[in-house]
């Protein structure tokens, strides 16, 4: 049974930072308390279930599975079609003129360690054509080491590839976009989430998956238009936020399926050799974290 834990706007980020100055530590503690009060849990802990066959009349069914945390689950959307999975399924169906059977195994509050359990919960004999993973925010707020998070992600990618699925990873969003979190806590969360995102991208392409740098591709929309892009809790995406996120992911999904030959800026295709750190650093602004560190 996967334990549900709603993300609490960067509060646990404080514990992830090694601080020696008592005044600084107390300041961040107070800011974390402010963030908790501002965000709360107005959306509850359960996302709408969007698992179904979309555009069934098209036929030639494609199987899509979405794994990860509350963003992957679609928390904040009020209708199944507005969840991330629903948006992706509809976008694929439109582009491919095929029906898309969606399974969303993502669970609100999940860390990367929960991916194994989400895979274990798939029906026996299930063979997805395409898998999307969005995870990482809870790893940052719950102080999970980058190397540990990346190892869980890699294990999930390998398992999905062994099932015959093409895999697309949406890397950890930029927690610096969370306006309810005061400064300097927000800046610390931003730096940590970008470090994890860079490591996730490197791990994905290293293991035959596609990676999409969400902070780079869709993050600016959340920063410049927070009222429209965030839902009631100002932490999870709104219907428009999920629409933008799905649109950001779709090019890599289509490339993974062989529909496109190249990917746009912010997207990373699988590499046979080790990824060039300079390439990913140029797009994310962060150096690749050493998983062995």
C-alpha atoms as a PDB file:
ATOM      1  CA  UNK A   1       0.000   0.000   0.000  1.00  0.00           C
ATOM      2  CA  UNK A   2       1.603   3.274  -1.091  1.00  0.00           C
ATOM      3  CA  UNK A   3       1.353   5.876   1.667  1.00  0.00           C
ATOM      4  CA  UNK A   4      -0.110   9.183   0.506  1.00  0.00           C
ATOM      5  CA  UNK A   5       1.636  12.383   1.509  1.00  0.00           C
ATOM      6  CA  UNK A   6       0.578  15.697   0.015  1.00  0.00           C
ATOM      7  CA  UNK A   7       3.497  17.947  -0.884  1.00  0.00           C
ATOM      8  CA  UNK A   8       3.874  20.749   1.670  1.00  0.00           C
ATOM      9  CA  UNK A   9       5.256  23.744  -0.237  1.00  0.00           C
ATOM     10  CA  UNK A  10       8.946  23.462   0.460  1.00  0.00           C
ATOM     11  CA  UNK A  11       8.676  23.149   4.243  1.00  0.00           C
ATOM     12  CA  UNK A  12      10.978  20.142   4.400  1.00  0.00           C
ATOM     13  CA  UNK A  13      13.505  21.875   2.160  1.00  0.00           C
ATOM     14  CA  UNK A  14      14.840  23.509   5.313  1.00  0.00           C
ATOM     15  CA  UNK A  15      16.046  20.170   6.596  1.00  0.00           C
ATOM     16  CA  UNK A  16      17.829  19.484   3.334  1.00  0.00           C
ATOM     17  CA  UNK A  17      20.112  22.485   3.738  1.00  0.00           C
ATOM     18  CA  UNK A  18      23.107  22.272   6.028  1.00  0.00           C
ATOM     19  CA  UNK A  19      23.044  25.478   8.082  1.00  0.00           C
ATOM     20  CA  UNK A  20      25.195  26.522  11.000  1.00  0.00           C
ATOM     21  CA  UNK A  21      23.940  30.036  11.690  1.00  0.00           C
ATOM     22  CA  UNK A  22      21.157  29.840  14.250  1.00  0.00           C
ATOM     23  CA  UNK A  23      19.517  33.021  12.977  1.00  0.00           C
ATOM     24  CA  UNK A  24      19.358  31.714   9.418  1.00  0.00           C
ATOM     25  CA  UNK A  25      17.972  28.383  10.567  1.00  0.00           C
ATOM     26  CA  UNK A  26      15.256  30.103  12.606  1.00  0.00           C
ATOM     27  CA  UNK A  27      14.359  32.371   9.679  1.00  0.00           C
ATOM     28  CA  UNK A  28      13.871  29.407   7.359  1.00  0.00           C
ATOM     29  CA  UNK A  29      11.886  27.543  10.014  1.00  0.00           C
ATOM     30  CA  UNK A  30       9.473  30.462  10.284  1.00  0.00           C
ATOM     31  CA  UNK A  31       9.226  30.715   6.503  1.00  0.00           C
ATOM     32  CA  UNK A  32       8.408  27.004   6.222  1.00  0.00           C
ATOM     33  CA  UNK A  33       5.607  27.473   8.764  1.00  0.00           C
ATOM     34  CA  UNK A  34       4.272  30.396   6.708  1.00  0.00           C
ATOM     35  CA  UNK A  35       4.325  28.251   3.558  1.00  0.00           C
ATOM     36  CA  UNK A  36       2.385  25.468   5.274  1.00  0.00           C
ATOM     37  CA  UNK A  37      -0.307  27.878   6.430  1.00  0.00           C
ATOM     38  CA  UNK A  38      -0.609  29.533   3.032  1.00  0.00           C
ATOM     39  CA  UNK A  39      -0.870  26.308   1.053  1.00  0.00           C
ATOM     40  CA  UNK A  40      -2.823  23.980   3.316  1.00  0.00           C
ATOM     41  CA  UNK A  41      -4.671  21.047   1.716  1.00  0.00           C
ATOM     42  CA  UNK A  42      -7.690  22.554  -0.056  1.00  0.00           C
ATOM     43  CA  UNK A  43      -7.495  19.932  -2.826  1.00  0.00           C
ATOM     44  CA  UNK A  44      -7.433  16.922  -0.513  1.00  0.00           C
ATOM     45  CA  UNK A  45      -5.167  13.983  -1.257  1.00  0.00           C
ATOM     46  CA  UNK A  46      -6.933  12.185  -4.112  1.00  0.00           C
ATOM     47  CA  UNK A  47      -6.778  13.122  -7.778  1.00  0.00           C
ATOM     48  CA  UNK A  48      -9.576  12.451 -10.249  1.00  0.00           C
ATOM     49  CA  UNK A  49      -9.297   9.071 -11.960  1.00  0.00           C
ATOM     50  CA  UNK A  50      -8.773   9.558 -15.694  1.00  0.00           C
ATOM     51  CA  UNK A  51      -7.909   5.946 -16.506  1.00  0.00           C
ATOM     52  CA  UNK A  52     -10.005   4.926 -19.481  1.00  0.00           C
ATOM     53  CA  UNK A  53      -9.795   4.548 -23.251  1.00  0.00           C
ATOM     54  CA  UNK A  54      -9.858   7.942 -24.900  1.00  0.00           C
ATOM     55  CA  UNK A  55     -11.218   8.356 -28.459  1.00  0.00           C
ATOM     56  CA  UNK A  56     -12.246   4.701 -28.539  1.00  0.00           C
ATOM     57  CA  UNK A  57     -13.813   5.100 -31.993  1.00  0.00           C
ATOM     58  CA  UNK A  58     -10.387   5.656 -33.553  1.00  0.00           C
ATOM     59  CA  UNK A  59      -9.300   2.052 -32.935  1.00  0.00           C
ATOM     60  CA  UNK A  60      -5.703   0.796 -33.276  1.00  0.00           C
ATOM     61  CA  UNK A  61      -5.291   1.268 -29.535  1.00  0.00           C
ATOM     62  CA  UNK A  62      -2.141   2.672 -27.921  1.00  0.00           C
ATOM     63  CA  UNK A  63      -1.456   1.840 -24.267  1.00  0.00           C
ATOM     64  CA  UNK A  64      -0.175   4.740 -22.160  1.00  0.00           C
ATOM     65  CA  UNK A  65       0.773   4.552 -18.478  1.00  0.00           C
ATOM     66  CA  UNK A  66       1.513   7.601 -16.309  1.00  0.00           C
ATOM     67  CA  UNK A  67       3.526   7.169 -13.115  1.00  0.00           C
ATOM     68  CA  UNK A  68       4.803   9.511 -10.436  1.00  0.00           C
ATOM     69  CA  UNK A  69       3.492  12.050  -7.950  1.00  0.00           C
ATOM     70  CA  UNK A  70       0.558  14.448  -7.615  1.00  0.00           C
ATOM     71  CA  UNK A  71       1.349  16.231 -10.874  1.00  0.00           C
ATOM     72  CA  UNK A  72       1.363  12.923 -12.741  1.00  0.00           C
ATOM     73  CA  UNK A  73      -1.868  11.999 -10.932  1.00  0.00           C
ATOM     74  CA  UNK A  74      -3.487  15.291 -11.923  1.00  0.00           C
ATOM     75  CA  UNK A  75      -4.271  16.746  -8.493  1.00  0.00           C
ATOM     76  CA  UNK A  76      -5.885  20.136  -8.994  1.00  0.00           C
ATOM     77  CA  UNK A  77      -7.803  19.237 -12.150  1.00  0.00           C
ATOM     78  CA  UNK A  78     -11.588  19.182 -11.753  1.00  0.00           C
ATOM     79  CA  UNK A  79     -12.353  16.941 -14.746  1.00  0.00           C
ATOM     80  CA  UNK A  80     -10.650  13.735 -15.972  1.00  0.00           C
ATOM     81  CA  UNK A  81      -9.885  15.321 -19.332  1.00  0.00           C
ATOM     82  CA  UNK A  82      -7.971  18.119 -17.589  1.00  0.00           C
ATOM     83  CA  UNK A  83      -5.557  15.850 -15.697  1.00  0.00           C
ATOM     84  CA  UNK A  84      -2.075  15.394 -17.093  1.00  0.00           C
ATOM     85  CA  UNK A  85      -2.886  11.853 -18.210  1.00  0.00           C
ATOM     86  CA  UNK A  86      -6.145  12.917 -19.800  1.00  0.00           C
ATOM     87  CA  UNK A  87      -4.455  15.746 -21.652  1.00  0.00           C
ATOM     88  CA  UNK A  88      -1.661  13.484 -22.893  1.00  0.00           C
ATOM     89  CA  UNK A  89      -4.089  10.764 -24.000  1.00  0.00           C
ATOM     90  CA  UNK A  90      -6.238  13.233 -25.907  1.00  0.00           C
ATOM     91  CA  UNK A  91      -3.214  14.900 -27.484  1.00  0.00           C
ATOM     92  CA  UNK A  92      -1.787  11.579 -28.645  1.00  0.00           C
ATOM     93  CA  UNK A  93      -5.141  10.425 -29.989  1.00  0.00           C
ATOM     94  CA  UNK A  94      -5.503  13.610 -32.005  1.00  0.00           C
ATOM     95  CA  UNK A  95      -1.980  13.469 -33.418  1.00  0.00           C
ATOM     96  CA  UNK A  96      -1.964   9.726 -34.174  1.00  0.00           C
ATOM     97  CA  UNK A  97      -5.659   9.202 -34.957  1.00  0.00           C
ATOM     98  CA  UNK A  98      -5.547   6.219 -32.608  1.00  0.00           C
ATOM     99  CA  UNK A  99      -7.453   5.419 -29.450  1.00  0.00           C
ATOM    100  CA  UNK A 100      -5.381   5.688 -26.274  1.00  0.00           C
ATOM    101  CA  UNK A 101      -5.972   3.490 -23.248  1.00  0.00           C
ATOM    102  CA  UNK A 102      -4.679   5.426 -20.257  1.00  0.00           C
ATOM    103  CA  UNK A 103      -3.626   3.903 -16.953  1.00  0.00           C
ATOM    104  CA  UNK A 104      -2.644   6.381 -14.277  1.00  0.00           C
ATOM    105  CA  UNK A 105      -0.816   4.657 -11.444  1.00  0.00           C
ATOM    106  CA  UNK A 106       0.627   7.883 -10.029  1.00  0.00           C
ATOM    107  CA  UNK A 107      -0.191   8.569  -6.377  1.00  0.00           C
ATOM    108  CA  UNK A 108      -0.409  11.948  -4.670  1.00  0.00           C
ATOM    109  CA  UNK A 109       2.588  12.531  -2.413  1.00  0.00           C
ATOM    110  CA  UNK A 110       4.828   9.910  -4.011  1.00  0.00           C
ATOM    111  CA  UNK A 111       8.587  10.104  -3.955  1.00  0.00           C
ATOM    112  CA  UNK A 112      10.716   8.354  -6.574  1.00  0.00           C
ATOM    113  CA  UNK A 113      10.912   5.327  -4.271  1.00  0.00           C
ATOM    114  CA  UNK A 114       7.174   4.760  -4.867  1.00  0.00           C
ATOM    115  CA  UNK A 115       7.677   4.086  -8.587  1.00  0.00           C
ATOM    116  CA  UNK A 116       8.480   0.422  -7.916  1.00  0.00           C
ATOM    117  CA  UNK A 117       5.178  -0.075  -6.118  1.00  0.00           C
ATOM    118  CA  UNK A 118       3.280   1.694  -8.888  1.00  0.00           C
ATOM    119  CA  UNK A 119       4.818  -0.711 -11.383  1.00  0.00           C
ATOM    120  CA  UNK A 120       4.040  -3.677  -9.154  1.00  0.00           C
ATOM    121  CA  UNK A 121       0.396  -2.624  -9.219  1.00  0.00           C
ATOM    122  CA  UNK A 122       0.072  -2.974 -12.992  1.00  0.00           C
ATOM    123  CA  UNK A 123      -2.037  -5.922 -14.200  1.00  0.00           C
ATOM    124  CA  UNK A 124      -0.199  -9.143 -14.950  1.00  0.00           C
ATOM    125  CA  UNK A 125       0.743  -9.289 -18.605  1.00  0.00           C
ATOM    126  CA  UNK A 126       0.240  -5.556 -19.139  1.00  0.00           C
ATOM    127  CA  UNK A 127       2.588  -4.208 -21.815  1.00  0.00           C
ATOM    128  CA  UNK A 128       2.374  -0.429 -22.283  1.00  0.00           C
ATOM    129  CA  UNK A 129       3.488   1.113 -25.544  1.00  0.00           C
ATOM    130  CA  UNK A 130       4.437   4.360 -23.850  1.00  0.00           C
ATOM    131  CA  UNK A 131       5.163   5.437 -20.267  1.00  0.00           C
ATOM    132  CA  UNK A 132       5.407   8.922 -18.789  1.00  0.00           C
ATOM    133  CA  UNK A 133       7.062   9.567 -15.429  1.00  0.00           C
ATOM    134  CA  UNK A 134       6.803  12.871 -13.563  1.00  0.00           C
ATOM    135  CA  UNK A 135       8.315  12.764 -10.080  1.00  0.00           C
ATOM    136  CA  UNK A 136      10.804  14.590  -7.896  1.00  0.00           C
ATOM    137  CA  UNK A 137       9.115  17.428  -6.022  1.00  0.00           C
ATOM    138  CA  UNK A 138       8.492  15.303  -2.943  1.00  0.00           C
ATOM    139  CA  UNK A 139      12.060  14.006  -3.058  1.00  0.00           C
ATOM    140  CA  UNK A 140      13.236  17.593  -2.676  1.00  0.00           C
ATOM    141  CA  UNK A 141      10.817  18.565   0.095  1.00  0.00           C
ATOM    142  CA  UNK A 142      11.427  15.293   1.948  1.00  0.00           C
ATOM    143  CA  UNK A 143      15.230  15.632   1.762  1.00  0.00           C
ATOM    144  CA  UNK A 144      15.891  12.502  -0.295  1.00  0.00           C
ATOM    145  CA  UNK A 145      19.494  12.472  -1.611  1.00  0.00           C
ATOM    146  CA  UNK A 146      19.754  13.059  -5.348  1.00  0.00           C
ATOM    147  CA  UNK A 147      21.652   9.800  -5.837  1.00  0.00           C
ATOM    148  CA  UNK A 148      18.871   7.843  -4.111  1.00  0.00           C
ATOM    149  CA  UNK A 149      16.123   9.520  -6.133  1.00  0.00           C
ATOM    150  CA  UNK A 150      17.932   8.926  -9.403  1.00  0.00           C
ATOM    151  CA  UNK A 151      18.537   5.255  -8.609  1.00  0.00           C
ATOM    152  CA  UNK A 152      14.801   4.670  -8.094  1.00  0.00           C
ATOM    153  CA  UNK A 153      14.052   6.492 -11.336  1.00  0.00           C
ATOM    154  CA  UNK A 154      16.608   4.450 -13.246  1.00  0.00           C
ATOM    155  CA  UNK A 155      15.179   1.203 -11.885  1.00  0.00           C
ATOM    156  CA  UNK A 156      11.686   2.209 -13.047  1.00  0.00           C
ATOM    157  CA  UNK A 157      12.932   3.152 -16.510  1.00  0.00           C
ATOM    158  CA  UNK A 158      14.732  -0.163 -16.890  1.00  0.00           C
ATOM    159  CA  UNK A 159      11.639  -2.121 -15.844  1.00  0.00           C
ATOM    160  CA  UNK A 160       9.423  -0.221 -18.259  1.00  0.00           C
ATOM    161  CA  UNK A 161      11.890  -0.672 -21.103  1.00  0.00           C
ATOM    162  CA  UNK A 162      11.951  -4.415 -20.373  1.00  0.00           C
ATOM    163  CA  UNK A 163       8.157  -4.399 -20.779  1.00  0.00           C
ATOM    164  CA  UNK A 164       8.673  -2.945 -24.247  1.00  0.00           C
ATOM    165  CA  UNK A 165       7.590   0.607 -23.419  1.00  0.00           C
ATOM    166  CA  UNK A 166       9.082   3.819 -24.712  1.00  0.00           C
ATOM    167  CA  UNK A 167       9.663   6.073 -21.722  1.00  0.00           C
ATOM    168  CA  UNK A 168       9.469   9.849 -21.313  1.00  0.00           C
ATOM    169  CA  UNK A 169      10.537  11.527 -18.073  1.00  0.00           C
ATOM    170  CA  UNK A 170       9.282  14.964 -17.156  1.00  0.00           C
ATOM    171  CA  UNK A 171      12.002  16.215 -14.831  1.00  0.00           C
ATOM    172  CA  UNK A 172      11.368  17.826 -11.445  1.00  0.00           C
ATOM    173  CA  UNK A 173       9.611  21.198 -11.783  1.00  0.00           C
ATOM    174  CA  UNK A 174      11.255  24.338 -10.475  1.00  0.00           C
ATOM    175  CA  UNK A 175      10.047  24.832  -6.887  1.00  0.00           C
ATOM    176  CA  UNK A 176      11.127  28.453  -7.209  1.00  0.00           C
ATOM    177  CA  UNK A 177       7.819  29.102  -8.988  1.00  0.00           C
ATOM    178  CA  UNK A 178       5.888  28.563  -5.726  1.00  0.00           C
ATOM    179  CA  UNK A 179       4.950  32.090  -4.690  1.00  0.00           C
ATOM    180  CA  UNK A 180       3.458  31.081  -1.290  1.00  0.00           C
ATOM    181  CA  UNK A 181       6.972  30.038  -0.241  1.00  0.00           C
ATOM    182  CA  UNK A 182       8.895  33.097   1.037  1.00  0.00           C
ATOM    183  CA  UNK A 183      12.460  34.032   0.181  1.00  0.00           C
ATOM    184  CA  UNK A 184      15.165  32.836   0.715  1.00  0.00           C
ATOM    185  CA  UNK A 185      13.485  29.445   1.172  1.00  0.00           C
ATOM    186  CA  UNK A 186      12.065  29.627  -2.349  1.00  0.00           C
ATOM    187  CA  UNK A 187      15.495  30.205  -3.883  1.00  0.00           C
ATOM    188  CA  UNK A 188      16.950  27.253  -1.998  1.00  0.00           C
ATOM    189  CA  UNK A 189      14.109  25.031  -3.195  1.00  0.00           C
ATOM    190  CA  UNK A 190      14.662  26.238  -6.740  1.00  0.00           C
ATOM    191  CA  UNK A 191      18.346  25.377  -6.669  1.00  0.00           C
ATOM    192  CA  UNK A 192      17.742  21.931  -5.217  1.00  0.00           C
ATOM    193  CA  UNK A 193      14.924  21.052  -7.609  1.00  0.00           C
ATOM    194  CA  UNK A 194      17.007  22.106 -10.603  1.00  0.00           C
ATOM    195  CA  UNK A 195      19.899  19.971  -9.401  1.00  0.00           C
ATOM    196  CA  UNK A 196      17.608  16.951  -9.169  1.00  0.00           C
ATOM    197  CA  UNK A 197      16.072  17.711 -12.575  1.00  0.00           C
ATOM    198  CA  UNK A 198      19.497  17.776 -14.206  1.00  0.00           C
ATOM    199  CA  UNK A 199      20.428  14.442 -12.641  1.00  0.00           C
ATOM    200  CA  UNK A 200      17.093  12.957 -13.737  1.00  0.00           C
ATOM    201  CA  UNK A 201      17.641  14.065 -17.332  1.00  0.00           C
ATOM    202  CA  UNK A 202      21.099  12.517 -17.410  1.00  0.00           C
ATOM    203  CA  UNK A 203      19.802   9.262 -15.907  1.00  0.00           C
ATOM    204  CA  UNK A 204      16.881   9.098 -18.335  1.00  0.00           C
ATOM    205  CA  UNK A 205      18.876   9.465 -21.533  1.00  0.00           C
ATOM    206  CA  UNK A 206      21.546   7.154 -20.151  1.00  0.00           C
ATOM    207  CA  UNK A 207      18.928   4.408 -19.787  1.00  0.00           C
ATOM    208  CA  UNK A 208      17.199   4.786 -23.136  1.00  0.00           C
ATOM    209  CA  UNK A 209      14.430   7.203 -22.125  1.00  0.00           C
ATOM    210  CA  UNK A 210      13.519  10.650 -23.339  1.00  0.00           C
ATOM    211  CA  UNK A 211      13.707  13.558 -20.881  1.00  0.00           C
ATOM    212  CA  UNK A 212      11.844  16.853 -20.878  1.00  0.00           C
ATOM    213  CA  UNK A 213      13.182  19.691 -18.726  1.00  0.00           C
ATOM    214  CA  UNK A 214       9.869  20.949 -17.351  1.00  0.00           C
ATOM    215  CA  UNK A 215      11.507  23.862 -15.552  1.00  0.00           C
ATOM    216  CA  UNK A 216      12.880  25.059 -18.871  1.00  0.00           C
ATOM    217  CA  UNK A 217      10.004  24.239 -21.222  1.00  0.00           C
ATOM    218  CA  UNK A 218       6.912  25.037 -19.169  1.00  0.00           C
ATOM    219  CA  UNK A 219       8.291  26.637 -15.984  1.00  0.00           C
ATOM    220  CA  UNK A 220       8.273  30.215 -17.343  1.00  0.00           C
ATOM    221  CA  UNK A 221       4.481  30.057 -17.798  1.00  0.00           C
ATOM    222  CA  UNK A 222       4.046  29.244 -14.098  1.00  0.00           C
ATOM    223  CA  UNK A 223       6.365  32.082 -13.092  1.00  0.00           C
ATOM    224  CA  UNK A 224       4.805  34.781 -15.282  1.00  0.00           C
ATOM    225  CA  UNK A 225       1.151  33.673 -15.014  1.00  0.00           C
ATOM    226  CA  UNK A 226       0.760  32.076 -11.576  1.00  0.00           C
ATOM    227  CA  UNK A 227      -2.922  32.962 -11.136  1.00  0.00           C
ATOM    228  CA  UNK A 228      -3.862  31.065 -14.300  1.00  0.00           C
ATOM    229  CA  UNK A 229      -1.359  28.218 -14.122  1.00  0.00           C
ATOM    230  CA  UNK A 230      -1.809  27.170 -10.487  1.00  0.00           C
ATOM    231  CA  UNK A 231      -4.899  25.669  -8.891  1.00  0.00           C
ATOM    232  CA  UNK A 232      -6.610  26.697  -5.659  1.00  0.00           C
ATOM    233  CA  UNK A 233      -3.701  25.745  -3.409  1.00  0.00           C
ATOM    234  CA  UNK A 234      -1.203  27.743  -5.523  1.00  0.00           C
ATOM    235  CA  UNK A 235       1.019  24.672  -5.485  1.00  0.00           C
ATOM    236  CA  UNK A 236      -0.424  22.202  -8.000  1.00  0.00           C
ATOM    237  CA  UNK A 237      -1.286  23.024 -11.637  1.00  0.00           C
ATOM    238  CA  UNK A 238      -4.706  24.203 -12.708  1.00  0.00           C
ATOM    239  CA  UNK A 239      -6.495  22.856 -15.786  1.00  0.00           C
ATOM    240  CA  UNK A 240      -4.521  25.370 -17.852  1.00  0.00           C
ATOM    241  CA  UNK A 241      -1.324  24.390 -16.059  1.00  0.00           C
ATOM    242  CA  UNK A 242      -1.857  20.750 -16.997  1.00  0.00           C
ATOM    243  CA  UNK A 243      -2.692  21.745 -20.555  1.00  0.00           C
ATOM    244  CA  UNK A 244       0.619  23.596 -20.843  1.00  0.00           C
ATOM    245  CA  UNK A 245       2.539  20.763 -19.196  1.00  0.00           C
ATOM    246  CA  UNK A 246       1.027  18.141 -21.507  1.00  0.00           C
ATOM    247  CA  UNK A 247       1.792  20.328 -24.520  1.00  0.00           C
ATOM    248  CA  UNK A 248       5.392  20.593 -23.313  1.00  0.00           C
ATOM    249  CA  UNK A 249       5.724  16.805 -23.019  1.00  0.00           C
ATOM    250  CA  UNK A 250       3.950  15.833 -26.239  1.00  0.00           C
ATOM    251  CA  UNK A 251       6.860  16.378 -28.697  1.00  0.00           C
ATOM    252  CA  UNK A 252       9.020  13.850 -26.860  1.00  0.00           C
ATOM    253  CA  UNK A 253       6.117  11.380 -26.679  1.00  0.00           C
ATOM    254  CA  UNK A 254       5.671  11.574 -30.432  1.00  0.00           C
ATOM    255  CA  UNK A 255       9.422  11.302 -31.016  1.00  0.00           C
ATOM    256  CA  UNK A 256       9.592   8.247 -28.760  1.00  0.00           C
ATOM    257  CA  UNK A 257       6.883   6.644 -30.891  1.00  0.00           C
ATOM    258  CA  UNK A 258       8.814   7.381 -34.086  1.00  0.00           C
ATOM    259  CA  UNK A 259       6.510  10.135 -35.321  1.00  0.00           C
ATOM    260  CA  UNK A 260       9.182  12.852 -35.158  1.00  0.00           C
ATOM    261  CA  UNK A 261      12.883  12.610 -35.940  1.00  0.00           C
ATOM    262  CA  UNK A 262      14.093  15.348 -33.634  1.00  0.00           C
ATOM    263  CA  UNK A 263      13.119  17.073 -30.422  1.00  0.00           C
ATOM    264  CA  UNK A 264      12.896  20.796 -29.630  1.00  0.00           C
ATOM    265  CA  UNK A 265      14.893  22.809 -27.119  1.00  0.00           C
ATOM    266  CA  UNK A 266      14.546  21.505 -23.573  1.00  0.00           C
ATOM    267  CA  UNK A 267      13.952  17.929 -24.750  1.00  0.00           C
ATOM    268  CA  UNK A 268      16.635  15.244 -24.574  1.00  0.00           C
ATOM    269  CA  UNK A 269      16.634  12.105 -26.694  1.00  0.00           C
ATOM    270  CA  UNK A 270      18.127   8.794 -25.495  1.00  0.00           C
ATOM    271  CA  UNK A 271      21.847   8.448 -25.944  1.00  0.00           C
ATOM    272  CA  UNK A 272      23.849   5.310 -26.498  1.00  0.00           C
ATOM    273  CA  UNK A 273      26.904   6.853 -24.871  1.00  0.00           C
ATOM    274  CA  UNK A 274      27.115   8.875 -21.665  1.00  0.00           C
ATOM    275  CA  UNK A 275      25.373  12.254 -22.068  1.00  0.00           C
ATOM    276  CA  UNK A 276      27.535  15.305 -22.609  1.00  0.00           C
ATOM    277  CA  UNK A 277      27.266  17.375 -19.398  1.00  0.00           C
ATOM    278  CA  UNK A 278      27.891  20.579 -21.370  1.00  0.00           C
ATOM    279  CA  UNK A 279      24.785  20.001 -23.504  1.00  0.00           C
ATOM    280  CA  UNK A 280      22.422  19.504 -20.576  1.00  0.00           C
ATOM    281  CA  UNK A 281      24.049  22.275 -18.558  1.00  0.00           C
ATOM    282  CA  UNK A 282      23.519  24.692 -21.456  1.00  0.00           C
ATOM    283  CA  UNK A 283      19.771  24.047 -21.372  1.00  0.00           C
ATOM    284  CA  UNK A 284      19.143  23.664 -17.645  1.00  0.00           C
ATOM    285  CA  UNK A 285      21.762  25.980 -16.210  1.00  0.00           C
ATOM    286  CA  UNK A 286      22.886  23.263 -13.819  1.00  0.00           C
ATOM    287  CA  UNK A 287      25.747  20.799 -13.828  1.00  0.00           C
ATOM    288  CA  UNK A 288      24.900  17.109 -13.865  1.00  0.00           C
ATOM    289  CA  UNK A 289      24.954  15.716 -10.351  1.00  0.00           C
ATOM    290  CA  UNK A 290      27.225  12.746  -9.824  1.00  0.00           C
ATOM    291  CA  UNK A 291      24.894   9.871  -8.811  1.00  0.00           C
ATOM    292  CA  UNK A 292      27.711   8.362  -6.759  1.00  0.00           C
ATOM    293  CA  UNK A 293      28.106  11.524  -4.674  1.00  0.00           C
END
